[in-house]
Amino acid sequence: MELADYWKILRAHWVSFLAITVAGALLGLGWGLVQPKVYKANASGIVSAGVNSDLGTAMAGENYAKSRVKSYVDLAKSRSVALDVQENLGIDTSINQLLSSISITNPVDTATLKVSAESNTPESAQQLAEAWVKAIENQVSEVENSSATKSSSASIVTFRSFDAAELPTSPSSPNFKIAIAAGLLVGLFMAFAYAMLRHAFDRRISSIESVESSTGHSVIGTIPQTDTLDREQRLITSIGGNDRNEEHAGEYAVAESIRELRTNLQFMNIDNPPRTIVITSALPGEGKSTVAANLAITIAASDQKVVLIDGDLRRPTIAKTFGLLEGVGLTDVLIGNADIDDVMQPWGESGNLVVLGAGKIPPNPSELLGSNTFQNLIQSLAQEAIVLIDAPPLLPVTDAAILTARTDGALVVSRVRKTTYDELESALNNLQRVNAHALGLILNGVPLKGAQASNYGYAYKAYYRQDTKGRRSAVANPVANDEA
């Protein structure tokens, strides 16, 4: 996976990514708020080895003090010092607690000891630091002079306070900046992991490239998402050309994508282009009937004869979509109750499009669609027109597979972010089992903008719109192809 792929995944889940990251920062802040406040006071003492005006002797004394101070680091952390502090301050804090609240350091190449004391109040931290330095002084004096007698002089090594502790003005812990930064980093990691897991386990169709690599079939058309088309209104009203105003902006993109699909079908096999085409899908609700209806209109607009047959004898919709007479059509012809010319209904002003509705719903749709009568019917119609058949979904019933086996092939419609790769592959396998041919895939409902648009070729495209005065203005808007 390349860096660009990671960027696409993060863009696709940017809302969740941002929410998890912010939640991590807030958790870090919350953690800091519930932690007890700790104040730190620093004091220091210095070890000296006498005072001498002779430079050589003074340097030797300084070096001796530096060597001695190293042994006093452990002394400063001893229980005897803690016990001395406990008695001097008159506190009932345990020795172990006192030792855990103190840190002793010896700055490099110095004869000083730095005492850092932590407590829950500024005053107690200051008192503890100064008391600890005093206790170290007592212990050093006791150790250095433990062998001294009346006849012998005291040790030249002494320890005294060097820097008194200041009263802390703000707590040293919790550090809210560090807490928020840590929470932010954890949130970023969790957000990234979440996005990767969502991408790994999300089996819904998400791009042209992934569909083609998963199924081995080409995507020959992408239909943009638009709010103007629904179950009641399946036909686009945009006529193309300069019909690019705000009212028809979404439908114009759909119209252009259908025209691109028409072109791809024409050049699929120049010497022998498909004449009988089944339009189906893996499952219901993926927009196959809408695609079939608008593709028929678009092909007819190019001055070609088209016959659109409603081959969905279970849930027919074509006659209703075009506002034609329902209840008569294909089944009447197949059972011999009507002649084909009596039930075909013309639509549109060009006279190039004829619609054959489903007719009455039969008890045996598969048998009727697989009959020789139906095959002879579509072959005779294909001699003078392109025949499009709106078929049922492939997975619930076998009708579409039977139809495809008797035609030039099928266009399989899938709705992005709904149909899964597994469902689409199962549908294509159903065609393969009956030696039927899939002409190509159509992705319906692809986004026109946002992070996912680039996965379907809609990211950096523009088309002209017309304002209310009829003037053209170039506005960056995604459309289905570059013909505009």
Protein backbone atom coordinates (compact mmCIF):
# COMPACT_ATOMS: atom_id res chain seq x y z
CA MET A 1 0.00 0.00 0.00
CA GLU A 2 1.41 3.37 -1.05
CA LEU A 3 1.39 6.62 0.88
CA ALA A 4 -1.41 7.96 -1.33
CA ASP A 5 -3.57 4.99 -0.33
CA TYR A 6 -3.14 5.80 3.36
CA TRP A 7 -4.09 9.40 2.64
CA LYS A 8 -7.28 8.29 0.87
CA ILE A 9 -8.21 6.03 3.79
CA LEU A 10 -7.70 8.83 6.31
CA ARG A 11 -9.71 11.26 4.17
CA ALA A 12 -12.51 8.74 3.88
CA HIS A 13 -12.71 8.43 7.68
CA TRP A 14 -11.67 11.97 8.57
CA VAL A 15 -14.67 12.60 10.83
CA SER A 16 -13.95 9.53 12.98
CA PHE A 17 -10.23 10.26 12.83
CA LEU A 18 -10.74 13.81 14.09
CA ALA A 19 -13.24 12.74 16.76
CA ILE A 20 -10.97 10.02 18.17
CA THR A 21 -7.96 12.35 18.17
CA VAL A 22 -9.86 15.10 20.00
CA ALA A 23 -11.24 12.52 22.42
CA GLY A 24 -7.68 11.42 23.17
CA ALA A 25 -6.63 14.99 23.93
CA LEU A 26 -9.68 15.49 26.16
CA LEU A 27 -8.94 12.26 28.01
CA GLY A 28 -5.40 13.50 28.59
CA LEU A 29 -6.79 16.75 29.97
CA GLY A 30 -9.27 14.86 32.13
CA TRP A 31 -6.53 12.63 33.48
CA GLY A 32 -4.54 15.71 34.46
CA LEU A 33 -7.54 17.28 36.20
CA VAL A 34 -8.13 14.27 38.45
CA GLN A 35 -4.49 13.94 39.48
CA PRO A 36 -3.47 15.45 42.85
CA LYS A 37 -1.41 18.61 42.66
CA VAL A 38 2.24 18.21 43.56
CA TYR A 39 4.54 21.12 44.38
CA LYS A 40 8.32 20.90 44.13
CA ALA A 41 10.87 22.97 46.04
CA ASN A 42 14.60 22.89 45.41
CA ALA A 43 17.39 23.56 47.90
CA SER A 44 21.07 22.78 47.78
CA GLY A 45 24.14 22.44 49.98
CA ILE A 46 27.85 22.48 49.29
CA VAL A 47 30.74 20.40 50.59
CA SER A 48 33.93 22.33 51.35
CA ALA A 49 37.37 21.19 52.47
CA GLY A 50 38.67 24.16 54.49
CA VAL A 51 39.78 27.59 53.36
CA ASN A 52 43.33 28.35 52.28
CA SER A 53 44.99 31.33 50.63
CA ASP A 54 47.51 29.14 48.88
CA LEU A 55 46.26 28.42 45.36
CA GLY A 56 47.63 24.91 45.16
CA THR A 57 46.22 23.96 48.54
CA ALA A 58 42.87 25.55 47.68
CA MET A 59 42.65 23.55 44.41
CA ALA A 60 43.54 20.36 46.22
CA GLY A 61 40.83 21.08 48.78
CA GLU A 62 38.29 21.70 46.05
CA ASN A 63 39.13 18.41 44.34
CA TYR A 64 38.93 16.62 47.65
CA ALA A 65 35.48 18.13 48.31
CA LYS A 66 34.28 16.98 44.87
CA SER A 67 35.43 13.47 45.59
CA ARG A 68 33.82 13.44 49.03
CA VAL A 69 30.45 14.76 47.83
CA LYS A 70 29.90 11.64 45.73
CA SER A 71 29.83 9.52 48.85
CA TYR A 72 27.29 11.86 50.42
CA VAL A 73 24.68 11.24 47.70
CA ASP A 74 23.81 7.90 49.30
CA LEU A 75 24.02 9.44 52.73
CA ALA A 76 21.51 12.10 51.73
CA LYS A 77 19.05 9.35 50.75
CA SER A 78 19.49 7.40 53.96
CA ARG A 79 16.86 6.61 56.55
CA SER A 80 18.90 8.39 59.21
CA VAL A 81 18.48 11.68 57.34
CA ALA A 82 14.76 11.02 56.90
CA LEU A 83 14.39 10.25 60.61
CA ASP A 84 16.18 13.51 61.46
CA VAL A 85 13.77 15.43 59.18
CA GLN A 86 10.79 13.70 60.71
CA GLU A 87 11.83 14.73 64.20
CA ASN A 88 12.76 18.30 63.27
CA LEU A 89 9.47 18.98 61.45
CA GLY A 90 7.37 17.04 63.92
CA ILE A 91 5.41 15.24 61.21
CA ASP A 92 3.93 11.75 61.28
CA THR A 93 4.76 10.95 57.64
CA SER A 94 6.45 7.56 57.38
CA ILE A 95 10.12 7.25 56.57
CA ASN A 96 9.39 5.51 53.27
CA GLN A 97 6.99 8.24 52.21
CA LEU A 98 9.57 10.91 53.02
CA LEU A 99 12.25 9.10 51.03
CA SER A 100 9.92 8.69 48.04
CA SER A 101 9.22 12.43 47.99
CA ILE A 102 12.90 13.41 47.87
CA SER A 103 15.40 13.26 45.04
CA ILE A 104 19.12 13.96 45.47
CA THR A 105 21.45 14.89 42.62
CA ASN A 106 25.06 15.91 42.34
CA PRO A 107 25.58 18.25 39.37
CA VAL A 108 28.52 17.17 37.26
CA ASP A 109 31.96 18.43 38.38
CA THR A 110 30.58 20.26 41.42
CA ALA A 111 30.74 19.79 45.18
CA THR A 112 27.06 20.55 45.67
CA LEU A 113 24.07 18.38 46.46
CA LYS A 114 20.72 19.42 45.05
CA VAL A 115 17.64 18.42 47.05
CA SER A 116 14.23 18.35 45.36
CA ALA A 117 11.28 17.89 47.69
CA GLU A 118 7.70 17.18 46.60
CA SER A 119 4.57 17.76 48.64
CA ASN A 120 0.90 18.55 48.24
CA THR A 121 1.30 22.19 49.36
CA PRO A 122 3.90 24.82 48.46
CA GLU A 123 4.73 25.50 52.13
CA SER A 124 5.34 21.90 53.07
CA ALA A 125 7.51 21.36 49.99
CA GLN A 126 9.66 24.36 50.93
CA GLN A 127 9.96 23.25 54.55
CA LEU A 128 10.82 19.70 53.58
CA ALA A 129 13.59 20.78 51.19
CA GLU A 130 15.24 23.07 53.74
CA ALA A 131 14.87 20.53 56.57
CA TRP A 132 16.48 17.88 54.40
CA VAL A 133 19.52 20.04 53.67
CA LYS A 134 19.85 20.74 57.40
CA ALA A 135 19.58 17.04 58.18
CA ILE A 136 22.29 16.24 55.62
CA GLU A 137 24.51 18.84 57.26
CA ASN A 138 24.03 17.15 60.65
CA GLN A 139 24.73 13.70 59.27
CA VAL A 140 27.85 14.82 57.37
CA SER A 141 29.18 16.56 60.44
CA GLU A 142 28.57 13.45 62.51
CA VAL A 143 30.28 11.19 59.97
CA GLU A 144 33.28 13.49 59.42
CA ASN A 145 33.87 14.06 63.12
CA SER A 146 32.97 10.64 64.47
CA SER A 147 36.65 9.82 65.17
CA ALA A 148 37.63 13.26 66.45
CA THR A 149 38.72 13.56 70.08
CA LYS A 150 39.59 16.40 72.39
CA SER A 151 43.25 16.11 71.44
CA SER A 152 42.61 15.93 67.69
CA SER A 153 41.18 18.69 65.52
CA ALA A 154 37.83 18.52 63.71
CA SER A 155 37.60 17.45 60.06
CA ILE A 156 38.19 20.15 57.46
CA VAL A 157 35.25 18.76 55.41
CA THR A 158 31.98 20.51 56.09
CA PHE A 159 28.54 20.64 54.50
CA ARG A 160 26.41 23.75 54.67
CA SER A 161 23.33 25.21 53.02
CA PHE A 162 24.15 26.82 49.72
CA ASP A 163 20.77 27.87 48.26
CA ALA A 164 17.59 28.14 50.33
CA ALA A 165 14.36 26.73 48.95
CA GLU A 166 11.92 29.17 47.37
CA LEU A 167 8.18 28.89 47.82
CA PRO A 168 6.71 27.19 44.69
CA THR A 169 4.19 29.36 42.86
CA SER A 170 2.65 26.63 40.69
CA PRO A 171 2.39 22.85 40.89
CA SER A 172 5.01 20.79 39.10
CA SER A 173 2.51 18.02 38.54
CA PRO A 174 0.26 17.36 36.78
CA ASN A 175 1.72 18.96 33.67
CA PHE A 176 -1.33 19.70 31.56
CA LYS A 177 0.66 20.36 28.40
CA ILE A 178 2.33 16.97 28.63
CA ALA A 179 -0.96 15.28 29.56
CA ILE A 180 -2.80 16.79 26.59
CA ALA A 181 0.10 16.06 24.23
CA ALA A 182 0.26 12.44 25.42
CA GLY A 183 -3.51 12.08 25.02
CA LEU A 184 -3.28 13.62 21.58
CA LEU A 185 -0.59 11.16 20.50
CA VAL A 186 -2.56 8.22 21.86
CA GLY A 187 -5.66 9.56 20.13
CA LEU A 188 -3.79 9.87 16.82
CA PHE A 189 -2.55 6.31 17.10
CA MET A 190 -6.02 4.98 17.98
CA ALA A 191 -7.63 7.02 15.19
CA PHE A 192 -5.13 5.71 12.64
CA ALA A 193 -5.66 2.14 13.85
CA TYR A 194 -9.43 2.60 13.69
CA ALA A 195 -9.27 3.92 10.11
CA MET A 196 -7.05 1.03 9.02
CA LEU A 197 -9.31 -1.55 10.66
CA ARG A 198 -12.43 0.02 9.15
CA HIS A 199 -10.79 -0.10 5.74
CA ALA A 200 -9.59 -3.69 6.21
CA PHE A 201 -12.95 -5.06 7.37
CA ASP A 202 -15.22 -2.84 5.24
CA ARG A 203 -16.22 -5.06 2.31
CA ARG A 204 -18.41 -2.45 0.63
CA ILE A 205 -17.41 -1.23 -2.82
CA SER A 206 -15.19 1.81 -2.44
CA SER A 207 -13.32 2.41 -5.71
CA ILE A 208 -13.08 1.44 -9.36
CA GLU A 209 -9.61 -0.01 -8.92
CA SER A 210 -10.60 -2.30 -6.07
CA VAL A 211 -13.72 -3.55 -7.91
CA GLU A 212 -11.78 -4.39 -11.04
CA SER A 213 -8.96 -6.12 -9.16
CA SER A 214 -11.43 -8.07 -7.03
CA THR A 215 -13.78 -9.25 -9.80
CA GLY A 216 -11.59 -9.26 -12.89
CA HIS A 217 -14.27 -7.31 -14.80
CA SER A 218 -14.05 -3.77 -16.12
CA VAL A 219 -16.11 -0.88 -14.83
CA ILE A 220 -17.61 0.66 -17.97
CA GLY A 221 -19.76 3.28 -16.28
CA THR A 222 -20.14 5.29 -13.09
CA ILE A 223 -23.40 7.03 -12.21
CA PRO A 224 -23.12 9.99 -9.79
CA GLN A 225 -25.30 10.32 -6.73
CA THR A 226 -28.16 12.80 -7.03
CA ASP A 227 -31.05 13.63 -4.73
CA THR A 228 -33.47 14.34 -7.59
CA LEU A 229 -33.89 10.67 -8.55
CA ASP A 230 -35.87 8.26 -6.37
CA ARG A 231 -38.41 5.45 -6.65
CA GLU A 232 -41.09 7.84 -7.85
CA GLN A 233 -38.92 9.83 -10.27
CA ARG A 234 -36.42 7.62 -12.09
CA LEU A 235 -35.99 9.59 -15.33
CA ILE A 236 -33.53 12.46 -15.59
CA THR A 237 -34.96 15.72 -16.89
CA SER A 238 -31.64 17.22 -17.97
CA ILE A 239 -31.33 17.17 -21.75
CA GLY A 240 -27.59 17.89 -21.78
CA GLY A 241 -26.05 20.54 -23.99
CA ASN A 242 -26.17 23.84 -22.12
CA ASP A 243 -28.70 22.64 -19.54
CA ARG A 244 -26.28 23.32 -16.71
CA ASN A 245 -28.00 25.63 -14.29
CA GLU A 246 -28.23 25.06 -10.57
CA GLU A 247 -31.59 23.30 -10.84
CA HIS A 248 -30.22 20.58 -13.12
CA ALA A 249 -26.61 20.48 -11.89
CA GLY A 250 -26.84 17.02 -10.32
CA GLU A 251 -28.91 15.54 -13.14
CA TYR A 252 -26.58 17.00 -15.72
CA ALA A 253 -23.72 14.96 -14.25
CA VAL A 254 -25.93 11.84 -14.36
CA ALA A 255 -26.89 12.55 -17.96
CA GLU A 256 -23.25 12.91 -18.95
CA SER A 257 -22.35 9.65 -17.22
CA ILE A 258 -25.14 7.82 -19.08
CA ARG A 259 -23.86 9.25 -22.37
CA GLU A 260 -20.39 8.03 -21.48
CA LEU A 261 -21.84 4.58 -20.77
CA ARG A 262 -23.55 4.64 -24.18
CA THR A 263 -20.23 5.48 -25.84
CA ASN A 264 -18.42 2.70 -24.00
CA LEU A 265 -21.03 0.19 -25.15
CA GLN A 266 -20.67 1.33 -28.77
CA PHE A 267 -16.89 0.87 -28.70
CA MET A 268 -16.92 -2.33 -26.66
CA ASN A 269 -16.77 -4.38 -29.86
CA ILE A 270 -16.66 -2.20 -32.96
CA ASP A 271 -17.11 -5.07 -35.42
CA ASN A 272 -19.91 -6.73 -33.47
CA PRO A 273 -21.38 -4.41 -30.80
CA PRO A 274 -23.89 -5.97 -28.37
CA ARG A 275 -27.49 -5.77 -29.53
CA THR A 276 -29.32 -7.60 -26.71
CA ILE A 277 -28.25 -6.44 -23.28
CA VAL A 278 -29.51 -7.47 -19.84
CA ILE A 279 -29.27 -4.90 -17.05
CA THR A 280 -29.26 -6.44 -13.61
CA SER A 281 -27.66 -6.19 -10.17
CA ALA A 282 -26.63 -8.41 -7.29
CA LEU A 283 -29.43 -7.34 -4.95
CA PRO A 284 -32.54 -5.13 -5.07
CA GLY A 285 -32.24 -1.39 -4.52
CA GLU A 286 -29.02 -0.83 -6.47
CA GLY A 287 -30.61 1.26 -9.24
CA LYS A 288 -30.67 -1.19 -12.17
CA SER A 289 -34.14 -0.11 -13.38
CA THR A 290 -33.17 3.58 -13.24
CA VAL A 291 -30.02 2.87 -15.23
CA ALA A 292 -31.93 0.77 -17.76
CA ALA A 293 -34.59 3.45 -18.33
CA ASN A 294 -32.16 6.34 -18.74
CA LEU A 295 -29.73 4.32 -20.85
CA ALA A 296 -32.60 3.46 -23.22
CA ILE A 297 -33.53 7.16 -23.51
CA THR A 298 -29.90 8.15 -24.11
CA ILE A 299 -29.32 5.55 -26.83
CA ALA A 300 -32.58 6.59 -28.51
CA ALA A 301 -31.40 10.22 -28.43
CA SER A 302 -28.45 9.22 -30.64
CA ASP A 303 -30.96 8.31 -33.40
CA GLN A 304 -30.87 4.57 -32.79
CA LYS A 305 -33.88 2.32 -32.41
CA VAL A 306 -34.25 0.97 -28.89
CA VAL A 307 -36.64 -1.53 -27.36
CA LEU A 308 -36.73 -1.52 -23.55
CA ILE A 309 -38.22 -4.72 -22.10
CA ASP A 310 -39.27 -5.10 -18.49
CA GLY A 311 -37.91 -8.58 -17.80
CA ASP A 312 -38.55 -8.33 -14.07
CA LEU A 313 -41.72 -10.43 -13.96
CA ARG A 314 -41.72 -10.37 -10.16
CA ARG A 315 -41.54 -6.64 -9.38
CA PRO A 316 -42.01 -4.76 -12.66
CA THR A 317 -41.37 -1.01 -12.67
CA ILE A 318 -40.61 0.08 -16.24
CA ALA A 319 -44.17 0.90 -17.37
CA LYS A 320 -44.78 2.94 -14.23
CA THR A 321 -41.45 4.72 -14.65
CA PHE A 322 -42.42 5.95 -18.12
CA GLY A 323 -46.01 6.67 -17.17
CA LEU A 324 -47.35 4.03 -19.57
CA LEU A 325 -50.20 1.56 -19.36
CA GLU A 326 -49.45 -1.16 -16.84
CA GLY A 327 -50.71 -4.75 -16.78
CA VAL A 328 -50.09 -5.53 -20.44
CA GLY A 329 -46.85 -6.52 -22.09
CA LEU A 330 -44.32 -9.33 -22.23
CA THR A 331 -46.27 -12.09 -20.49
CA ASP A 332 -49.24 -11.55 -22.81
CA VAL A 333 -46.99 -12.11 -25.81
CA LEU A 334 -45.23 -15.16 -24.35
CA ILE A 335 -48.47 -16.99 -23.54
CA GLY A 336 -50.01 -16.07 -26.88
CA ASN A 337 -52.72 -13.71 -25.67
CA ALA A 338 -51.42 -10.71 -27.62
CA ASP A 339 -49.27 -9.81 -30.58
CA ILE A 340 -46.00 -7.97 -29.93
CA ASP A 341 -47.11 -4.91 -31.94
CA ASP A 342 -50.24 -4.60 -29.81
CA VAL A 343 -48.46 -4.28 -26.45
CA MET A 344 -45.32 -2.29 -27.32
CA GLN A 345 -45.77 1.34 -26.31
CA PRO A 346 -43.75 4.16 -27.95
CA TRP A 347 -42.27 6.86 -25.74
CA GLY A 348 -40.76 10.22 -26.56
CA GLU A 349 -40.98 12.53 -29.54
CA SER A 350 -38.23 10.94 -31.62
CA GLY A 351 -40.08 7.65 -32.07
CA ASN A 352 -36.84 5.76 -31.51
CA LEU A 353 -37.79 4.28 -28.10
CA VAL A 354 -40.38 1.59 -27.62
CA VAL A 355 -41.22 0.14 -24.21
CA LEU A 356 -42.50 -3.39 -23.60
CA GLY A 357 -43.90 -3.66 -20.10
CA ALA A 358 -43.90 -6.83 -18.02
CA GLY A 359 -47.62 -7.47 -18.26
CA LYS A 360 -49.41 -9.58 -15.68
CA ILE A 361 -47.18 -11.18 -13.06
CA PRO A 362 -47.01 -14.93 -13.87
CA PRO A 363 -46.54 -17.84 -11.41
CA ASN A 364 -43.52 -19.15 -13.38
CA PRO A 365 -41.26 -16.22 -14.39
CA SER A 366 -38.10 -18.30 -14.87
CA GLU A 367 -39.79 -20.72 -17.24
CA LEU A 368 -41.23 -17.93 -19.38
CA LEU A 369 -37.93 -16.06 -19.60
CA GLY A 370 -36.05 -19.24 -20.46
CA SER A 371 -38.48 -20.29 -23.18
CA ASN A 372 -37.63 -20.48 -26.86
CA THR A 373 -40.52 -18.12 -27.50
CA PHE A 374 -38.81 -15.36 -25.55
CA GLN A 375 -35.46 -16.04 -27.21
CA ASN A 376 -37.02 -15.84 -30.65
CA LEU A 377 -38.78 -12.64 -29.62
CA ILE A 378 -35.64 -10.77 -28.58
CA GLN A 379 -33.70 -12.04 -31.61
CA SER A 380 -36.36 -10.70 -33.96
CA LEU A 381 -36.44 -7.35 -32.14
CA ALA A 382 -32.64 -7.11 -32.21
CA GLN A 383 -32.62 -7.16 -36.01
CA GLU A 384 -33.98 -3.62 -36.11
CA ALA A 385 -33.23 -2.19 -32.64
CA ILE A 386 -30.99 -2.42 -29.64
CA VAL A 387 -32.81 -4.48 -27.00
CA LEU A 388 -32.35 -3.60 -23.32
CA ILE A 389 -33.86 -5.92 -20.74
CA ASP A 390 -34.41 -4.83 -17.14
CA ALA A 391 -33.90 -8.10 -15.23
CA PRO A 392 -34.37 -9.11 -11.57
CA PRO A 393 -31.36 -9.19 -9.23
CA LEU A 394 -28.96 -12.10 -9.65
CA LEU A 395 -28.70 -13.36 -6.09
CA PRO A 396 -32.35 -13.76 -5.00
CA VAL A 397 -33.59 -15.46 -8.19
CA THR A 398 -32.20 -17.14 -11.33
CA ASP A 399 -34.17 -15.06 -13.87
CA ALA A 400 -31.32 -12.68 -14.74
CA ALA A 401 -28.81 -15.49 -15.23
CA ILE A 402 -31.24 -17.29 -17.58
CA LEU A 403 -31.84 -14.08 -19.55
CA THR A 404 -28.14 -13.29 -19.84
CA ALA A 405 -27.34 -16.74 -21.17
CA ARG A 406 -29.72 -16.06 -24.08
CA THR A 407 -28.43 -12.53 -24.87
CA ASP A 408 -25.15 -10.83 -25.72
CA GLY A 409 -24.40 -10.23 -22.07
CA ALA A 410 -25.28 -8.34 -18.93
CA LEU A 411 -24.44 -5.01 -17.37
CA VAL A 412 -24.25 -5.53 -13.61
CA VAL A 413 -25.17 -2.47 -11.54
CA SER A 414 -23.77 -2.07 -8.02
CA ARG A 415 -24.34 0.73 -5.54
CA VAL A 416 -21.18 2.04 -3.93
CA ARG A 417 -20.90 1.97 -0.14
CA LYS A 418 -23.76 -0.57 -0.11
CA THR A 419 -22.97 -3.57 -2.31
CA THR A 420 -20.12 -5.68 -0.95
CA TYR A 421 -17.37 -7.29 -2.98
CA ASP A 422 -18.59 -10.70 -1.83
CA GLU A 423 -22.14 -10.03 -3.07
CA LEU A 424 -20.89 -8.76 -6.42
CA GLU A 425 -18.54 -11.74 -6.88
CA SER A 426 -21.36 -14.16 -6.03
CA ALA A 427 -23.61 -12.49 -8.60
CA LEU A 428 -20.91 -12.76 -11.29
CA ASN A 429 -20.36 -16.40 -10.36
CA ASN A 430 -24.07 -17.03 -10.96
CA LEU A 431 -23.59 -15.77 -14.50
CA GLN A 432 -20.49 -17.84 -15.01
CA ARG A 433 -22.25 -21.05 -13.95
CA VAL A 434 -24.68 -20.78 -16.86
CA ASN A 435 -21.97 -19.66 -19.31
CA ALA A 436 -23.46 -16.16 -19.42
CA HIS A 437 -21.27 -13.18 -20.26
CA ALA A 438 -20.88 -10.06 -18.14
CA LEU A 439 -20.29 -7.11 -20.49
CA GLY A 440 -19.09 -4.91 -17.64
CA LEU A 441 -19.87 -3.33 -14.31
CA ILE A 442 -21.71 -0.09 -13.56
CA LEU A 443 -21.14 1.67 -10.25
CA ASN A 444 -24.17 3.65 -9.15
CA GLY A 445 -24.41 6.42 -6.55
CA VAL A 446 -20.76 7.45 -6.67
CA PRO A 447 -19.94 10.66 -4.75
CA LEU A 448 -19.39 13.85 -6.72
CA LYS A 449 -17.29 15.47 -4.04
CA GLY A 450 -15.41 14.66 -0.88
CA ALA A 451 -12.66 12.20 -0.11
CA GLN A 452 -14.23 9.34 -2.06
CA ALA A 453 -14.82 11.26 -5.31
CA SER A 454 -11.29 10.67 -6.62
CA ASN A 455 -11.80 6.89 -6.38
CA TYR A 456 -14.31 7.12 -9.23
CA GLY A 457 -12.71 9.81 -11.39
CA TYR A 458 -14.79 12.77 -10.18
CA ALA A 459 -12.18 14.69 -8.20
CA TYR A 460 -10.70 17.31 -10.50
CA LYS A 461 -13.30 17.92 -13.16
CA ALA A 462 -15.33 21.00 -14.02
CA TYR A 463 -18.17 21.98 -16.26
CA TYR A 464 -19.81 25.22 -17.28
CA ARG A 465 -22.97 26.40 -15.64
CA GLN A 466 -25.30 29.16 -16.69
CA ASP A 467 -26.39 31.86 -14.30
CA THR A 468 -29.89 33.32 -14.23
CA LYS A 469 -28.99 35.86 -16.94
CA GLY A 470 -27.86 33.18 -19.34
CA ARG A 471 -24.16 34.05 -19.13
CA ARG A 472 -21.70 31.18 -18.85
CA SER A 473 -19.45 31.07 -15.86
CA ALA A 474 -16.76 28.51 -15.26
CA VAL A 475 -17.41 26.87 -11.91
CA ALA A 476 -15.38 24.01 -10.56
CA ASN A 477 -17.85 21.17 -10.21
CA PRO A 478 -17.33 17.44 -10.77
CA VAL A 479 -19.06 15.79 -13.68
CA ALA A 480 -19.07 12.37 -15.17
CA ASN A 481 -16.54 12.95 -17.93
CA ASP A 482 -14.40 15.56 -19.68
CA GLU A 483 -16.73 16.15 -22.61
CA ALA A 484 -18.20 19.34 -21.10
